[in-house]
N, C-alpha and C. Protein backbone atom coordinates (compact mmCIF):
# COMPACT_ATOMS: atom_id res chain seq x y z
N MET A 1 -6.58 17.29 -6.20
CA MET A 1 -6.54 16.89 -4.82
C MET A 1 -7.24 15.53 -4.68
N VAL A 2 -6.68 14.65 -3.87
CA VAL A 2 -7.23 13.33 -3.59
C VAL A 2 -7.60 13.28 -2.12
N VAL A 3 -8.82 12.83 -1.80
CA VAL A 3 -9.25 12.67 -0.42
C VAL A 3 -9.36 11.18 -0.13
N VAL A 4 -8.69 10.73 0.94
CA VAL A 4 -8.67 9.31 1.26
C VAL A 4 -9.01 9.09 2.73
N ASP A 5 -9.53 7.90 3.02
CA ASP A 5 -9.78 7.47 4.39
C ASP A 5 -8.43 7.09 4.99
N THR A 6 -8.10 7.67 6.15
CA THR A 6 -6.78 7.45 6.72
C THR A 6 -6.56 6.01 7.19
N VAL A 7 -7.62 5.32 7.64
CA VAL A 7 -7.48 3.93 8.08
C VAL A 7 -7.16 3.04 6.88
N THR A 8 -7.87 3.24 5.78
CA THR A 8 -7.62 2.47 4.57
C THR A 8 -6.20 2.74 4.06
N LEU A 9 -5.79 4.00 4.11
CA LEU A 9 -4.43 4.36 3.67
C LEU A 9 -3.39 3.68 4.56
N LEU A 10 -3.61 3.62 5.86
CA LEU A 10 -2.67 2.97 6.77
C LEU A 10 -2.53 1.49 6.43
N LYS A 11 -3.64 0.82 6.13
CA LYS A 11 -3.58 -0.59 5.74
C LYS A 11 -2.78 -0.78 4.45
N LEU A 12 -2.99 0.13 3.50
CA LEU A 12 -2.25 0.06 2.24
C LEU A 12 -0.75 0.26 2.47
N ILE A 13 -0.40 1.22 3.31
CA ILE A 13 1.00 1.47 3.63
C ILE A 13 1.62 0.24 4.29
N HIS A 14 0.90 -0.35 5.23
CA HIS A 14 1.38 -1.56 5.92
C HIS A 14 1.66 -2.67 4.91
N ASP A 15 0.73 -2.90 4.00
CA ASP A 15 0.91 -3.93 2.98
C ASP A 15 2.09 -3.59 2.06
N GLY A 16 2.24 -2.31 1.75
CA GLY A 16 3.36 -1.88 0.91
C GLY A 16 4.71 -2.16 1.57
N PHE A 17 4.82 -1.86 2.86
CA PHE A 17 6.06 -2.15 3.57
C PHE A 17 6.33 -3.66 3.63
N ALA A 18 5.28 -4.44 3.83
CA ALA A 18 5.45 -5.90 3.86
C ALA A 18 5.95 -6.42 2.52
N ILE A 19 5.39 -5.92 1.43
CA ILE A 19 5.84 -6.34 0.10
C ILE A 19 7.29 -5.94 -0.13
N SER A 20 7.63 -4.71 0.22
CA SER A 20 9.00 -4.25 -0.02
C SER A 20 10.00 -5.03 0.82
N LYS A 21 9.61 -5.43 2.02
CA LYS A 21 10.49 -6.22 2.88
C LYS A 21 10.73 -7.60 2.28
N GLU A 22 9.67 -8.23 1.77
CA GLU A 22 9.78 -9.56 1.19
C GLU A 22 10.54 -9.57 -0.13
N SER A 23 10.29 -8.54 -0.95
CA SER A 23 10.84 -8.55 -2.30
C SER A 23 12.04 -7.63 -2.49
N GLY A 24 12.30 -6.75 -1.53
CA GLY A 24 13.39 -5.80 -1.68
C GLY A 24 13.11 -4.73 -2.71
N ASP A 25 11.83 -4.47 -2.98
CA ASP A 25 11.42 -3.50 -3.99
C ASP A 25 11.53 -2.08 -3.42
N ASP A 26 12.55 -1.34 -3.85
CA ASP A 26 12.77 0.01 -3.34
C ASP A 26 11.68 0.98 -3.77
N GLU A 27 11.11 0.78 -4.95
CA GLU A 27 10.06 1.68 -5.42
C GLU A 27 8.82 1.58 -4.55
N VAL A 28 8.45 0.36 -4.17
CA VAL A 28 7.30 0.15 -3.28
C VAL A 28 7.61 0.73 -1.91
N PHE A 29 8.82 0.51 -1.41
CA PHE A 29 9.21 1.05 -0.10
C PHE A 29 9.14 2.57 -0.10
N ASN A 30 9.66 3.21 -1.14
CA ASN A 30 9.66 4.67 -1.21
C ASN A 30 8.25 5.23 -1.28
N ALA A 31 7.37 4.57 -2.03
CA ALA A 31 5.98 5.02 -2.11
C ALA A 31 5.31 4.90 -0.75
N ALA A 32 5.50 3.78 -0.07
CA ALA A 32 4.90 3.58 1.25
C ALA A 32 5.44 4.59 2.26
N GLN A 33 6.73 4.83 2.21
CA GLN A 33 7.35 5.77 3.14
C GLN A 33 6.84 7.19 2.91
N SER A 34 6.68 7.57 1.66
CA SER A 34 6.17 8.90 1.32
C SER A 34 4.75 9.08 1.83
N LEU A 35 3.92 8.06 1.61
CA LEU A 35 2.54 8.14 2.07
C LEU A 35 2.45 8.11 3.59
N LEU A 36 3.35 7.40 4.24
CA LEU A 36 3.34 7.37 5.70
C LEU A 36 3.60 8.75 6.28
N SER A 37 4.50 9.51 5.68
CA SER A 37 4.79 10.85 6.20
C SER A 37 3.55 11.75 6.09
N ILE A 38 2.81 11.61 5.01
CA ILE A 38 1.58 12.40 4.86
C ILE A 38 0.52 11.92 5.85
N LEU A 39 0.41 10.61 6.03
CA LEU A 39 -0.56 10.07 6.97
C LEU A 39 -0.30 10.57 8.38
N VAL A 40 0.95 10.60 8.78
CA VAL A 40 1.30 11.09 10.12
C VAL A 40 0.85 12.53 10.28
N TYR A 41 1.02 13.32 9.24
CA TYR A 41 0.59 14.72 9.28
C TYR A 41 -0.92 14.83 9.49
N HIS A 42 -1.68 13.90 8.91
CA HIS A 42 -3.15 13.93 8.98
C HIS A 42 -3.70 12.97 10.03
N LEU A 43 -2.91 12.51 10.94
CA LEU A 43 -3.29 11.44 11.87
C LEU A 43 -4.57 11.72 12.65
N ARG A 44 -4.83 12.93 12.98
CA ARG A 44 -6.01 13.25 13.80
C ARG A 44 -7.27 13.50 12.98
N HIS A 45 -7.20 13.23 11.69
CA HIS A 45 -8.34 13.49 10.82
C HIS A 45 -8.77 12.19 10.13
N PRO A 46 -10.08 11.97 10.01
CA PRO A 46 -10.55 10.74 9.36
C PRO A 46 -10.29 10.73 7.85
N LEU A 47 -10.15 11.91 7.27
CA LEU A 47 -9.86 12.02 5.84
C LEU A 47 -8.62 12.86 5.65
N ALA A 48 -7.82 12.49 4.68
CA ALA A 48 -6.60 13.25 4.38
C ALA A 48 -6.68 13.77 2.96
N GLU A 49 -6.25 15.01 2.75
CA GLU A 49 -6.18 15.58 1.42
C GLU A 49 -4.75 15.47 0.93
N LEU A 50 -4.58 14.84 -0.22
CA LEU A 50 -3.25 14.62 -0.77
C LEU A 50 -3.15 15.22 -2.15
N ASP A 51 -1.95 15.61 -2.54
CA ASP A 51 -1.78 16.14 -3.89
C ASP A 51 -1.75 15.00 -4.90
N ALA A 52 -1.69 15.36 -6.16
CA ALA A 52 -1.76 14.37 -7.25
C ALA A 52 -0.61 13.37 -7.20
N ASN A 53 0.59 13.81 -6.79
CA ASN A 53 1.73 12.90 -6.71
C ASN A 53 1.47 11.78 -5.70
N HIS A 54 0.90 12.15 -4.57
CA HIS A 54 0.58 11.13 -3.57
C HIS A 54 -0.57 10.26 -4.03
N GLY A 55 -1.47 10.82 -4.81
CA GLY A 55 -2.53 10.01 -5.41
C GLY A 55 -1.95 8.94 -6.32
N GLU A 56 -0.92 9.30 -7.07
CA GLU A 56 -0.23 8.33 -7.93
C GLU A 56 0.44 7.25 -7.08
N ASN A 57 1.04 7.64 -5.96
CA ASN A 57 1.66 6.66 -5.06
C ASN A 57 0.63 5.68 -4.52
N ILE A 58 -0.56 6.19 -4.21
CA ILE A 58 -1.63 5.31 -3.72
C ILE A 58 -2.00 4.30 -4.80
N ARG A 59 -2.21 4.77 -6.02
CA ARG A 59 -2.56 3.85 -7.11
C ARG A 59 -1.45 2.84 -7.36
N PHE A 60 -0.20 3.28 -7.27
CA PHE A 60 0.94 2.38 -7.46
C PHE A 60 0.95 1.29 -6.38
N LEU A 61 0.78 1.70 -5.12
CA LEU A 61 0.78 0.72 -4.02
C LEU A 61 -0.41 -0.22 -4.12
N GLU A 62 -1.57 0.30 -4.48
CA GLU A 62 -2.74 -0.56 -4.64
C GLU A 62 -2.48 -1.64 -5.69
N ALA A 63 -1.87 -1.26 -6.80
CA ALA A 63 -1.56 -2.22 -7.86
C ALA A 63 -0.54 -3.26 -7.38
N ALA A 64 0.47 -2.82 -6.63
CA ALA A 64 1.49 -3.74 -6.12
C ALA A 64 0.88 -4.73 -5.13
N VAL A 65 0.00 -4.25 -4.28
CA VAL A 65 -0.65 -5.13 -3.30
C VAL A 65 -1.55 -6.14 -4.01
N LYS A 66 -2.30 -5.69 -5.01
CA LYS A 66 -3.17 -6.62 -5.77
C LYS A 66 -2.34 -7.69 -6.47
N ARG A 67 -1.23 -7.29 -7.08
CA ARG A 67 -0.36 -8.27 -7.75
C ARG A 67 0.17 -9.28 -6.74
N ARG A 68 0.59 -8.81 -5.58
CA ARG A 68 1.13 -9.70 -4.56
C ARG A 68 0.07 -10.68 -4.06
N ARG A 69 -1.14 -10.19 -3.85
CA ARG A 69 -2.21 -11.07 -3.39
C ARG A 69 -2.54 -12.13 -4.43
N ARG A 70 -2.56 -11.76 -5.70
CA ARG A 70 -2.81 -12.74 -6.76
C ARG A 70 -1.71 -13.79 -6.79
N THR A 71 -0.46 -13.37 -6.63
CA THR A 71 0.67 -14.29 -6.62
C THR A 71 0.57 -15.25 -5.45
N GLN A 72 0.26 -14.73 -4.27
CA GLN A 72 0.14 -15.58 -3.08
C GLN A 72 -1.02 -16.55 -3.22
N THR A 73 -2.14 -16.11 -3.78
CA THR A 73 -3.29 -16.99 -3.98
C THR A 73 -2.93 -18.11 -4.95
N ALA A 74 -2.23 -17.76 -6.03
CA ALA A 74 -1.84 -18.77 -7.02
C ALA A 74 -0.88 -19.78 -6.40
N ARG A 75 0.03 -19.33 -5.56
CA ARG A 75 0.97 -20.24 -4.90
C ARG A 75 0.24 -21.19 -3.96
N ARG A 76 -0.74 -20.66 -3.21
CA ARG A 76 -1.49 -21.52 -2.30
C ARG A 76 -2.27 -22.58 -3.07
N ARG A 77 -2.85 -22.18 -4.18
CA ARG A 77 -3.62 -23.13 -4.99
C ARG A 77 -2.71 -24.20 -5.56
N SER A 78 -1.53 -23.81 -6.03
CA SER A 78 -0.63 -24.80 -6.61
C SER A 78 -0.02 -25.70 -5.54
N ALA A 79 0.04 -25.20 -4.31
CA ALA A 79 0.56 -26.03 -3.22
C ALA A 79 -0.53 -26.89 -2.60
N GLY A 80 -1.79 -26.66 -3.00
CA GLY A 80 -2.89 -27.46 -2.49
C GLY A 80 -3.40 -27.05 -1.13
N THR A 81 -3.12 -25.80 -0.72
CA THR A 81 -3.62 -25.32 0.57
C THR A 81 -4.71 -24.30 0.33
N ALA A 82 -5.56 -24.15 1.30
CA ALA A 82 -6.68 -23.22 1.17
C ALA A 82 -6.38 -21.85 1.74
N GLY A 83 -5.29 -21.66 2.40
CA GLY A 83 -5.06 -20.33 2.92
C GLY A 83 -4.13 -20.32 4.04
């Protein structure tokens, strides 16, 4: 069982949807959509208990968001902008 903060999970889902929209990545979209359904179920609770499969989706989305942020930072640096 994985216990997560629902606000942090919502931010991760939001970032996942943004990445999938920009890149057309169906795997990221499916992970975000799956986690959103669980989040909605736990909406009134500050912590959500998720099974191991959803824990894997969280780790997958976290990695995708980190990769995207590194890519965007590298692009800004190469373009000579600060942000």
